């Protein structure tokens, strides 16, 4: 999926519709989007968050990316706040990516710097698929659980 920006750039988003069966007689479908991590793409990132039901925050585990990760996490909170939303009301899962590289931060440090709220997390090596589906299953489960009471009987 592509999105033209006001800077005459086209951003490409991964889009994955996921069929998860049914609950209370209603067919469940999740629409998963990936967005660029760089603050430079804030307008696009903000737009995708408008009607979000759940978030996977992917952290680059490399030590030299800590400040960028923190800036991105704070930007996420600001963007949600602009829609009257907060992480207290939206399911979130942390994914600590690039765990195969030699210059990564220990999980305990990532937790104390980025995941102070104690969200569920998974270690991943996305290019090899490690930890990705566990992360997706968890955010889908949390999102369905949060909204299950809102579904009418089918």
C-alpha atoms as a PDB file:
ATOM      1  CA  UNK A   1       0.000   0.000   0.000  1.00  0.00           C
ATOM      2  CA  UNK A   2       1.411   3.411  -0.812  1.00  0.00           C
ATOM      3  CA  UNK A   3       0.696   6.889   0.466  1.00  0.00           C
ATOM      4  CA  UNK A   4       1.752  10.085  -1.289  1.00  0.00           C
ATOM      5  CA  UNK A   5       3.045  12.690   1.157  1.00  0.00           C
ATOM      6  CA  UNK A   6       3.051  16.467   0.957  1.00  0.00           C
ATOM      7  CA  UNK A   7       6.812  16.331   0.296  1.00  0.00           C
ATOM      8  CA  UNK A   8       6.211  14.516  -3.021  1.00  0.00           C
ATOM      9  CA  UNK A   9       7.535  11.320  -1.551  1.00  0.00           C
ATOM     10  CA  UNK A  10       5.672   8.065  -1.665  1.00  0.00           C
ATOM     11  CA  UNK A  11       5.801   5.889   1.409  1.00  0.00           C
ATOM     12  CA  UNK A  12       5.107   2.201   1.181  1.00  0.00           C
ATOM     13  CA  UNK A  13       3.346   0.389   3.978  1.00  0.00           C
ATOM     14  CA  UNK A  14       3.095  -3.316   4.501  1.00  0.00           C
ATOM     15  CA  UNK A  15      -0.524  -4.347   4.849  1.00  0.00           C
ATOM     16  CA  UNK A  16      -1.582  -7.782   6.022  1.00  0.00           C
ATOM     17  CA  UNK A  17      -5.231  -8.727   6.487  1.00  0.00           C
ATOM     18  CA  UNK A  18      -5.458 -11.582   9.000  1.00  0.00           C
ATOM     19  CA  UNK A  19      -8.523 -13.809   9.348  1.00  0.00           C
ATOM     20  CA  UNK A  20      -8.833 -15.077  12.923  1.00  0.00           C
ATOM     21  CA  UNK A  21     -12.061 -17.036  12.814  1.00  0.00           C
ATOM     22  CA  UNK A  22     -15.078 -15.821  14.763  1.00  0.00           C
ATOM     23  CA  UNK A  23     -16.164 -14.788  18.227  1.00  0.00           C
ATOM     24  CA  UNK A  24     -19.783 -14.513  19.341  1.00  0.00           C
ATOM     25  CA  UNK A  25     -20.743 -15.340  15.772  1.00  0.00           C
ATOM     26  CA  UNK A  26     -18.842 -12.397  14.294  1.00  0.00           C
ATOM     27  CA  UNK A  27     -16.005 -12.972  11.827  1.00  0.00           C
ATOM     28  CA  UNK A  28     -12.791 -11.367  13.031  1.00  0.00           C
ATOM     29  CA  UNK A  29     -10.344  -9.695  10.711  1.00  0.00           C
ATOM     30  CA  UNK A  30      -7.285  -7.753  11.725  1.00  0.00           C
ATOM     31  CA  UNK A  31      -5.702  -5.222   9.412  1.00  0.00           C
ATOM     32  CA  UNK A  32      -2.034  -4.880  10.241  1.00  0.00           C
ATOM     33  CA  UNK A  33       0.030  -1.946   9.007  1.00  0.00           C
ATOM     34  CA  UNK A  34       3.686  -1.154   9.351  1.00  0.00           C
ATOM     35  CA  UNK A  35       4.771   2.455   9.425  1.00  0.00           C
ATOM     36  CA  UNK A  36       8.183   4.091   9.154  1.00  0.00           C
ATOM     37  CA  UNK A  37       9.981   4.536  12.451  1.00  0.00           C
ATOM     38  CA  UNK A  38      11.685   7.810  11.665  1.00  0.00           C
ATOM     39  CA  UNK A  39      10.202  10.976  13.178  1.00  0.00           C
ATOM     40  CA  UNK A  40      10.651  12.536   9.730  1.00  0.00           C
ATOM     41  CA  UNK A  41       7.508  10.595   8.680  1.00  0.00           C
ATOM     42  CA  UNK A  42       5.400  11.851  11.571  1.00  0.00           C
ATOM     43  CA  UNK A  43       2.419  12.954   9.449  1.00  0.00           C
ATOM     44  CA  UNK A  44       2.101   9.483   7.965  1.00  0.00           C
ATOM     45  CA  UNK A  45       2.607   7.775  11.311  1.00  0.00           C
ATOM     46  CA  UNK A  46      -0.018   9.962  12.916  1.00  0.00           C
ATOM     47  CA  UNK A  47      -2.555   9.262  10.179  1.00  0.00           C
ATOM     48  CA  UNK A  48      -2.281   5.496  10.596  1.00  0.00           C
ATOM     49  CA  UNK A  49      -2.905   5.829  14.358  1.00  0.00           C
ATOM     50  CA  UNK A  50      -6.230   7.614  13.942  1.00  0.00           C
ATOM     51  CA  UNK A  51      -8.469   4.584  14.590  1.00  0.00           C
ATOM     52  CA  UNK A  52      -5.931   2.183  16.041  1.00  0.00           C
ATOM     53  CA  UNK A  53      -7.085  -0.750  18.184  1.00  0.00           C
ATOM     54  CA  UNK A  54      -3.676  -2.146  19.119  1.00  0.00           C
ATOM     55  CA  UNK A  55       0.002  -1.328  18.661  1.00  0.00           C
ATOM     56  CA  UNK A  56       3.216  -3.274  18.297  1.00  0.00           C
ATOM     57  CA  UNK A  57       6.104  -0.960  19.103  1.00  0.00           C
ATOM     58  CA  UNK A  58       9.212  -2.333  17.425  1.00  0.00           C
ATOM     59  CA  UNK A  59      12.435  -1.364  19.169  1.00  0.00           C
ATOM     60  CA  UNK A  60      15.812  -1.508  17.478  1.00  0.00           C
ATOM     61  CA  UNK A  61      17.881  -3.304  20.131  1.00  0.00           C
ATOM     62  CA  UNK A  62      21.184  -1.738  19.086  1.00  0.00           C
ATOM     63  CA  UNK A  63      22.762   0.442  21.774  1.00  0.00           C
ATOM     64  CA  UNK A  64      23.257   3.370  19.389  1.00  0.00           C
ATOM     65  CA  UNK A  65      19.499   3.437  18.611  1.00  0.00           C
ATOM     66  CA  UNK A  66      18.321   4.043  22.177  1.00  0.00           C
ATOM     67  CA  UNK A  67      17.696   7.790  21.777  1.00  0.00           C
ATOM     68  CA  UNK A  68      15.844   7.260  18.482  1.00  0.00           C
ATOM     69  CA  UNK A  69      13.708   4.556  20.117  1.00  0.00           C
ATOM     70  CA  UNK A  70      12.835   6.876  23.003  1.00  0.00           C
ATOM     71  CA  UNK A  71      12.056   9.737  20.633  1.00  0.00           C
ATOM     72  CA  UNK A  72       9.805   7.470  18.579  1.00  0.00           C
ATOM     73  CA  UNK A  73       8.018   6.149  21.677  1.00  0.00           C
ATOM     74  CA  UNK A  74       7.395   9.686  22.966  1.00  0.00           C
ATOM     75  CA  UNK A  75       6.189  10.694  19.501  1.00  0.00           C
ATOM     76  CA  UNK A  76       3.769   7.752  19.520  1.00  0.00           C
ATOM     77  CA  UNK A  77       2.290   8.982  22.789  1.00  0.00           C
ATOM     78  CA  UNK A  78       2.004  12.556  21.456  1.00  0.00           C
ATOM     79  CA  UNK A  79       0.289  11.379  18.283  1.00  0.00           C
ATOM     80  CA  UNK A  80      -2.197   9.285  20.235  1.00  0.00           C
ATOM     81  CA  UNK A  81      -2.897  12.205  22.556  1.00  0.00           C
ATOM     82  CA  UNK A  82      -3.764  14.396  19.559  1.00  0.00           C
ATOM     83  CA  UNK A  83      -6.679  11.988  18.923  1.00  0.00           C
ATOM     84  CA  UNK A  84      -7.701  11.880  22.574  1.00  0.00           C
ATOM     85  CA  UNK A  85      -6.140   8.425  23.005  1.00  0.00           C
ATOM     86  CA  UNK A  86      -3.495   7.064  25.338  1.00  0.00           C
ATOM     87  CA  UNK A  87      -1.480   3.904  25.763  1.00  0.00           C
ATOM     88  CA  UNK A  88      -3.470   3.224  28.932  1.00  0.00           C
ATOM     89  CA  UNK A  89      -6.505   2.419  26.775  1.00  0.00           C
ATOM     90  CA  UNK A  90      -4.861   0.711  23.791  1.00  0.00           C
ATOM     91  CA  UNK A  91      -3.255  -2.743  23.853  1.00  0.00           C
ATOM     92  CA  UNK A  92       0.469  -2.548  23.167  1.00  0.00           C
ATOM     93  CA  UNK A  93       3.189  -5.162  22.752  1.00  0.00           C
ATOM     94  CA  UNK A  94       6.895  -4.351  22.623  1.00  0.00           C
ATOM     95  CA  UNK A  95       9.063  -6.188  20.127  1.00  0.00           C
ATOM     96  CA  UNK A  96      12.800  -5.986  20.746  1.00  0.00           C
ATOM     97  CA  UNK A  97      14.184  -6.535  17.270  1.00  0.00           C
ATOM     98  CA  UNK A  98      17.667  -7.248  15.863  1.00  0.00           C
ATOM     99  CA  UNK A  99      18.571  -9.518  18.755  1.00  0.00           C
ATOM    100  CA  UNK A 100      21.079 -11.286  16.502  1.00  0.00           C
ATOM    101  CA  UNK A 101      23.451  -8.329  16.291  1.00  0.00           C
ATOM    102  CA  UNK A 102      26.556  -8.030  18.482  1.00  0.00           C
ATOM    103  CA  UNK A 103      25.920  -4.490  19.797  1.00  0.00           C
ATOM    104  CA  UNK A 104      22.501  -4.983  21.398  1.00  0.00           C
ATOM    105  CA  UNK A 105      21.300  -3.754  24.763  1.00  0.00           C
ATOM    106  CA  UNK A 106      20.378  -6.285  27.447  1.00  0.00           C
ATOM    107  CA  UNK A 107      16.632  -6.841  27.807  1.00  0.00           C
ATOM    108  CA  UNK A 108      16.774  -5.461  31.361  1.00  0.00           C
ATOM    109  CA  UNK A 109      18.123  -2.144  30.028  1.00  0.00           C
ATOM    110  CA  UNK A 110      15.523  -1.966  27.263  1.00  0.00           C
ATOM    111  CA  UNK A 111      12.820  -2.639  29.825  1.00  0.00           C
ATOM    112  CA  UNK A 112      14.055   0.075  32.195  1.00  0.00           C
ATOM    113  CA  UNK A 113      14.511   2.687  29.455  1.00  0.00           C
ATOM    114  CA  UNK A 114      11.617   2.036  27.084  1.00  0.00           C
ATOM    115  CA  UNK A 115       9.118  -0.352  28.665  1.00  0.00           C
ATOM    116  CA  UNK A 116       8.658   1.244  32.068  1.00  0.00           C
ATOM    117  CA  UNK A 117       4.925   0.428  31.931  1.00  0.00           C
ATOM    118  CA  UNK A 118       5.713  -3.294  31.731  1.00  0.00           C
ATOM    119  CA  UNK A 119       3.972  -4.215  28.486  1.00  0.00           C
ATOM    120  CA  UNK A 120       4.333  -7.756  27.201  1.00  0.00           C
ATOM    121  CA  UNK A 121       7.418  -8.046  25.021  1.00  0.00           C
ATOM    122  CA  UNK A 122       9.108 -10.417  22.636  1.00  0.00           C
ATOM    123  CA  UNK A 123      12.647 -10.665  21.388  1.00  0.00           C
ATOM    124  CA  UNK A 124      12.878 -10.898  17.619  1.00  0.00           C
ATOM    125  CA  UNK A 125      15.055 -11.252  14.596  1.00  0.00           C
ATOM    126  CA  UNK A 126      12.519 -10.055  12.055  1.00  0.00           C
ATOM    127  CA  UNK A 127      14.560 -10.847   8.959  1.00  0.00           C
ATOM    128  CA  UNK A 128      14.484 -14.525  10.021  1.00  0.00           C
ATOM    129  CA  UNK A 129      10.896 -14.430  11.336  1.00  0.00           C
ATOM    130  CA  UNK A 130      11.972 -15.127  14.923  1.00  0.00           C
ATOM    131  CA  UNK A 131       9.500 -13.703  17.444  1.00  0.00           C
ATOM    132  CA  UNK A 132       7.312 -12.056  14.806  1.00  0.00           C
ATOM    133  CA  UNK A 133       4.313 -14.379  14.924  1.00  0.00           C
ATOM    134  CA  UNK A 134       4.405 -14.581  18.720  1.00  0.00           C
ATOM    135  CA  UNK A 135       4.203 -10.786  18.760  1.00  0.00           C
ATOM    136  CA  UNK A 136       1.340 -10.716  16.250  1.00  0.00           C
ATOM    137  CA  UNK A 137      -0.629 -13.432  18.051  1.00  0.00           C
ATOM    138  CA  UNK A 138      -0.283 -11.563  21.322  1.00  0.00           C
ATOM    139  CA  UNK A 139      -1.415  -8.168  20.009  1.00  0.00           C
ATOM    140  CA  UNK A 140      -4.344  -9.831  18.237  1.00  0.00           C
ATOM    141  CA  UNK A 141      -5.322 -11.649  21.439  1.00  0.00           C
ATOM    142  CA  UNK A 142      -5.082  -8.462  23.525  1.00  0.00           C
ATOM    143  CA  UNK A 143      -7.090  -6.471  20.995  1.00  0.00           C
ATOM    144  CA  UNK A 144      -9.845  -9.087  20.731  1.00  0.00           C
ATOM    145  CA  UNK A 145      -9.976  -9.421  24.520  1.00  0.00           C
ATOM    146  CA  UNK A 146     -10.322  -5.646  24.929  1.00  0.00           C
ATOM    147  CA  UNK A 147     -13.173  -5.385  22.420  1.00  0.00           C
ATOM    148  CA  UNK A 148     -14.939  -8.738  22.943  1.00  0.00           C
ATOM    149  CA  UNK A 149     -17.535  -7.252  25.295  1.00  0.00           C
ATOM    150  CA  UNK A 150     -18.444  -4.657  22.664  1.00  0.00           C
ATOM    151  CA  UNK A 151     -19.560  -7.298  20.151  1.00  0.00           C
ATOM    152  CA  UNK A 152     -23.294  -7.967  20.026  1.00  0.00           C
ATOM    153  CA  UNK A 153     -24.408 -11.580  20.110  1.00  0.00           C
ATOM    154  CA  UNK A 154     -24.278 -12.962  16.543  1.00  0.00           C
END
